[in-house]
Amino acid sequence: MSEKLSERFIRGELLNVNCPSREVLKRVTSRWSVLILLALQDQTLRFSELRRVVGGVSERMLAQNLRHLEEDGFVQRIAYQVVPPHVEYSLTPLGREMGEQVVGLADWLEVNLSRILAQRDKSAADRA
């Protein structure tokens, strides 16, 4: 199948080791980024609220992933000039688009979890 160079450039070539899309893919598909995108899907949250919603994430990992998502244009950070500091996070329009994809993945995982766990058990039994 013949493809124009411009079409390949627009889509990106994730399988190519030098594709810049890979860095975005790595950031967006990290466990914590996926969970952050899910948590912010329909709401704006402060850092501490977001940390409570995304169970198990450390402050360091939450801050790092929020920074990456903000740099890539998926998350908006609004800092209010008050004491104590008040910062809120929400999805940008691009982030909402990405969030829809993540919701699809999360829904698929939930629907198929029993099948996945059964396969894990079968694989473990086969190895034993």
C-alpha atoms as a PDB file:
ATOM      1  CA  MET A   1       0.000   0.000   0.000  1.00  0.00           C
ATOM      2  CA  SER A   2       1.506   3.281  -1.102  1.00  0.00           C
ATOM      3  CA  GLU A   3       1.403   6.151   1.355  1.00  0.00           C
ATOM      4  CA  LYS A   4       2.340   9.776   0.847  1.00  0.00           C
ATOM      5  CA  LEU A   5       5.214  11.104   2.911  1.00  0.00           C
ATOM      6  CA  SER A   6       2.954  13.841   4.311  1.00  0.00           C
ATOM      7  CA  GLU A   7       0.476  11.220   5.539  1.00  0.00           C
ATOM      8  CA  ARG A   8       3.239   9.270   7.250  1.00  0.00           C
ATOM      9  CA  PHE A   9       4.534  12.472   8.860  1.00  0.00           C
ATOM     10  CA  ILE A  10       1.114  13.499  10.144  1.00  0.00           C
ATOM     11  CA  ARG A  11       0.343  10.076  11.615  1.00  0.00           C
ATOM     12  CA  GLY A  12       3.818   9.501  12.944  1.00  0.00           C
ATOM     13  CA  GLU A  13       5.721   6.259  12.917  1.00  0.00           C
ATOM     14  CA  LEU A  14       5.569   4.865  16.434  1.00  0.00           C
ATOM     15  CA  LEU A  15       7.401   1.720  15.419  1.00  0.00           C
ATOM     16  CA  ASN A  16      10.387   3.800  14.283  1.00  0.00           C
ATOM     17  CA  VAL A  17      12.907   4.227  17.093  1.00  0.00           C
ATOM     18  CA  ASN A  18      13.407   7.897  16.179  1.00  0.00           C
ATOM     19  CA  CYS A  19       9.716   8.836  16.135  1.00  0.00           C
ATOM     20  CA  PRO A  20       9.031  11.797  18.466  1.00  0.00           C
ATOM     21  CA  SER A  21       5.538  10.411  19.097  1.00  0.00           C
ATOM     22  CA  ARG A  22       7.133   7.719  21.254  1.00  0.00           C
ATOM     23  CA  GLU A  23       7.959  10.204  24.022  1.00  0.00           C
ATOM     24  CA  VAL A  24       4.342  11.367  24.124  1.00  0.00           C
ATOM     25  CA  LEU A  25       3.167   7.747  24.074  1.00  0.00           C
ATOM     26  CA  LYS A  26       5.468   6.929  26.977  1.00  0.00           C
ATOM     27  CA  ARG A  27       4.176   9.859  29.020  1.00  0.00           C
ATOM     28  CA  VAL A  28       0.488   9.371  28.269  1.00  0.00           C
ATOM     29  CA  THR A  29       0.427   5.609  28.800  1.00  0.00           C
ATOM     30  CA  SER A  30       2.209   5.554  32.133  1.00  0.00           C
ATOM     31  CA  ARG A  31       0.031   4.075  34.845  1.00  0.00           C
ATOM     32  CA  TRP A  32      -0.204   7.357  36.736  1.00  0.00           C
ATOM     33  CA  SER A  33      -0.932   9.489  33.673  1.00  0.00           C
ATOM     34  CA  VAL A  34      -3.755   7.180  32.628  1.00  0.00           C
ATOM     35  CA  LEU A  35      -5.256   7.347  36.118  1.00  0.00           C
ATOM     36  CA  ILE A  36      -4.858  11.143  36.251  1.00  0.00           C
ATOM     37  CA  LEU A  37      -6.624  11.498  32.898  1.00  0.00           C
ATOM     38  CA  LEU A  38      -9.451   9.299  34.191  1.00  0.00           C
ATOM     39  CA  ALA A  39      -9.712  11.253  37.452  1.00  0.00           C
ATOM     40  CA  LEU A  40      -9.873  14.612  35.697  1.00  0.00           C
ATOM     41  CA  GLN A  41     -12.287  13.437  32.997  1.00  0.00           C
ATOM     42  CA  ASP A  42     -15.319  15.256  34.389  1.00  0.00           C
ATOM     43  CA  GLN A  43     -13.935  17.444  37.133  1.00  0.00           C
ATOM     44  CA  THR A  44     -11.368  19.976  38.268  1.00  0.00           C
ATOM     45  CA  LEU A  45      -9.325  18.911  41.280  1.00  0.00           C
ATOM     46  CA  ARG A  46      -6.754  20.377  43.607  1.00  0.00           C
ATOM     47  CA  PHE A  47      -3.468  18.494  44.021  1.00  0.00           C
ATOM     48  CA  SER A  48      -4.462  16.925  47.354  1.00  0.00           C
ATOM     49  CA  GLU A  49      -7.886  15.922  46.005  1.00  0.00           C
ATOM     50  CA  LEU A  50      -6.286  14.383  42.949  1.00  0.00           C
ATOM     51  CA  ARG A  51      -3.849  12.462  45.129  1.00  0.00           C
ATOM     52  CA  ARG A  52      -6.748  11.034  47.148  1.00  0.00           C
ATOM     53  CA  VAL A  53      -8.700  10.086  44.015  1.00  0.00           C
ATOM     54  CA  VAL A  54      -5.694   8.388  42.389  1.00  0.00           C
ATOM     55  CA  GLY A  55      -5.028   5.910  45.176  1.00  0.00           C
ATOM     56  CA  GLY A  56      -1.438   4.882  45.766  1.00  0.00           C
ATOM     57  CA  VAL A  57       0.322   7.662  43.868  1.00  0.00           C
ATOM     58  CA  SER A  58       3.145   9.436  45.696  1.00  0.00           C
ATOM     59  CA  GLU A  59       3.375  13.223  45.734  1.00  0.00           C
ATOM     60  CA  ARG A  60       6.528  13.024  43.628  1.00  0.00           C
ATOM     61  CA  MET A  61       4.987  10.805  40.940  1.00  0.00           C
ATOM     62  CA  LEU A  62       1.780  12.840  40.850  1.00  0.00           C
ATOM     63  CA  ALA A  63       3.718  16.090  40.459  1.00  0.00           C
ATOM     64  CA  GLN A  64       5.983  14.615  37.761  1.00  0.00           C
ATOM     65  CA  ASN A  65       3.111  13.182  35.721  1.00  0.00           C
ATOM     66  CA  LEU A  66       1.040  16.352  36.059  1.00  0.00           C
ATOM     67  CA  ARG A  67       4.029  18.356  34.819  1.00  0.00           C
ATOM     68  CA  HIS A  68       4.430  16.065  31.799  1.00  0.00           C
ATOM     69  CA  LEU A  69       0.711  16.171  31.008  1.00  0.00           C
ATOM     70  CA  GLU A  70       0.773  19.960  31.309  1.00  0.00           C
ATOM     71  CA  GLU A  71       3.858  20.258  29.062  1.00  0.00           C
ATOM     72  CA  ASP A  72       2.136  18.133  26.404  1.00  0.00           C
ATOM     73  CA  GLY A  73      -1.033  20.232  26.580  1.00  0.00           C
ATOM     74  CA  PHE A  74      -3.360  17.686  28.181  1.00  0.00           C
ATOM     75  CA  VAL A  75      -3.715  19.288  31.617  1.00  0.00           C
ATOM     76  CA  GLN A  76      -4.253  22.888  32.617  1.00  0.00           C
ATOM     77  CA  ARG A  77      -2.773  24.070  35.910  1.00  0.00           C
ATOM     78  CA  ILE A  78      -4.338  27.149  37.485  1.00  0.00           C
ATOM     79  CA  ALA A  79      -2.536  28.677  40.458  1.00  0.00           C
ATOM     80  CA  TYR A  80      -4.472  31.183  42.547  1.00  0.00           C
ATOM     81  CA  GLN A  81      -2.514  33.885  44.364  1.00  0.00           C
ATOM     82  CA  VAL A  82      -3.841  33.171  47.842  1.00  0.00           C
ATOM     83  CA  VAL A  83      -2.404  31.986  51.132  1.00  0.00           C
ATOM     84  CA  PRO A  84      -2.174  29.044  51.481  1.00  0.00           C
ATOM     85  CA  PRO A  85      -1.468  28.354  47.788  1.00  0.00           C
ATOM     86  CA  HIS A  86      -4.424  27.004  45.826  1.00  0.00           C
ATOM     87  CA  VAL A  87      -3.757  25.121  42.593  1.00  0.00           C
ATOM     88  CA  GLU A  88      -6.344  23.379  40.460  1.00  0.00           C
ATOM     89  CA  TYR A  89      -5.931  20.907  37.618  1.00  0.00           C
ATOM     90  CA  SER A  90      -8.332  20.206  34.772  1.00  0.00           C
ATOM     91  CA  LEU A  91      -8.200  18.731  31.294  1.00  0.00           C
ATOM     92  CA  THR A  92      -7.678  20.959  28.293  1.00  0.00           C
ATOM     93  CA  PRO A  93      -9.706  20.283  25.139  1.00  0.00           C
ATOM     94  CA  LEU A  94      -6.794  18.130  23.901  1.00  0.00           C
ATOM     95  CA  GLY A  95      -6.755  16.379  27.265  1.00  0.00           C
ATOM     96  CA  ARG A  96     -10.474  15.646  27.034  1.00  0.00           C
ATOM     97  CA  GLU A  97      -9.882  14.061  23.621  1.00  0.00           C
ATOM     98  CA  MET A  98      -7.079  11.929  25.056  1.00  0.00           C
ATOM     99  CA  GLY A  99      -9.223  11.170  28.093  1.00  0.00           C
ATOM    100  CA  GLU A 100     -11.952   9.736  25.866  1.00  0.00           C
ATOM    101  CA  GLN A 101      -9.416   7.277  24.475  1.00  0.00           C
ATOM    102  CA  VAL A 102      -8.248   6.368  27.977  1.00  0.00           C
ATOM    103  CA  VAL A 103     -11.846   5.835  29.124  1.00  0.00           C
ATOM    104  CA  GLY A 104     -12.293   3.422  26.213  1.00  0.00           C
ATOM    105  CA  LEU A 105      -9.225   1.475  27.321  1.00  0.00           C
ATOM    106  CA  ALA A 106     -10.336   1.482  30.976  1.00  0.00           C
ATOM    107  CA  ASP A 107     -13.822   0.292  30.021  1.00  0.00           C
ATOM    108  CA  TRP A 108     -12.363  -2.505  27.902  1.00  0.00           C
ATOM    109  CA  LEU A 109     -10.084  -3.586  30.768  1.00  0.00           C
ATOM    110  CA  GLU A 110     -12.944  -3.671  33.258  1.00  0.00           C
ATOM    111  CA  VAL A 111     -15.202  -5.664  30.916  1.00  0.00           C
ATOM    112  CA  ASN A 112     -12.441  -8.183  30.142  1.00  0.00           C
ATOM    113  CA  LEU A 113     -10.724  -8.365  33.539  1.00  0.00           C
ATOM    114  CA  SER A 114     -12.098 -11.808  34.376  1.00  0.00           C
ATOM    115  CA  ARG A 115     -10.783 -13.184  31.066  1.00  0.00           C
ATOM    116  CA  ILE A 116      -7.367 -11.629  31.663  1.00  0.00           C
ATOM    117  CA  LEU A 117      -7.133 -12.977  35.213  1.00  0.00           C
ATOM    118  CA  ALA A 118      -8.223 -16.422  34.053  1.00  0.00           C
ATOM    119  CA  GLN A 119      -5.453 -16.401  31.440  1.00  0.00           C
ATOM    120  CA  ARG A 120      -2.941 -15.393  34.114  1.00  0.00           C
ATOM    121  CA  ASP A 121      -4.060 -18.307  36.282  1.00  0.00           C
ATOM    122  CA  LYS A 122      -3.805 -20.695  33.315  1.00  0.00           C
ATOM    123  CA  SER A 123      -0.316 -19.451  32.457  1.00  0.00           C
ATOM    124  CA  ALA A 124       0.804 -19.831  36.064  1.00  0.00           C
ATOM    125  CA  ALA A 125      -0.610 -23.390  36.177  1.00  0.00           C
ATOM    126  CA  ASP A 126       1.119 -24.264  32.915  1.00  0.00           C
ATOM    127  CA  ARG A 127       4.464 -23.087  34.312  1.00  0.00           C
ATOM    128  CA  ALA A 128       4.044 -25.077  37.542  1.00  0.00           C
END
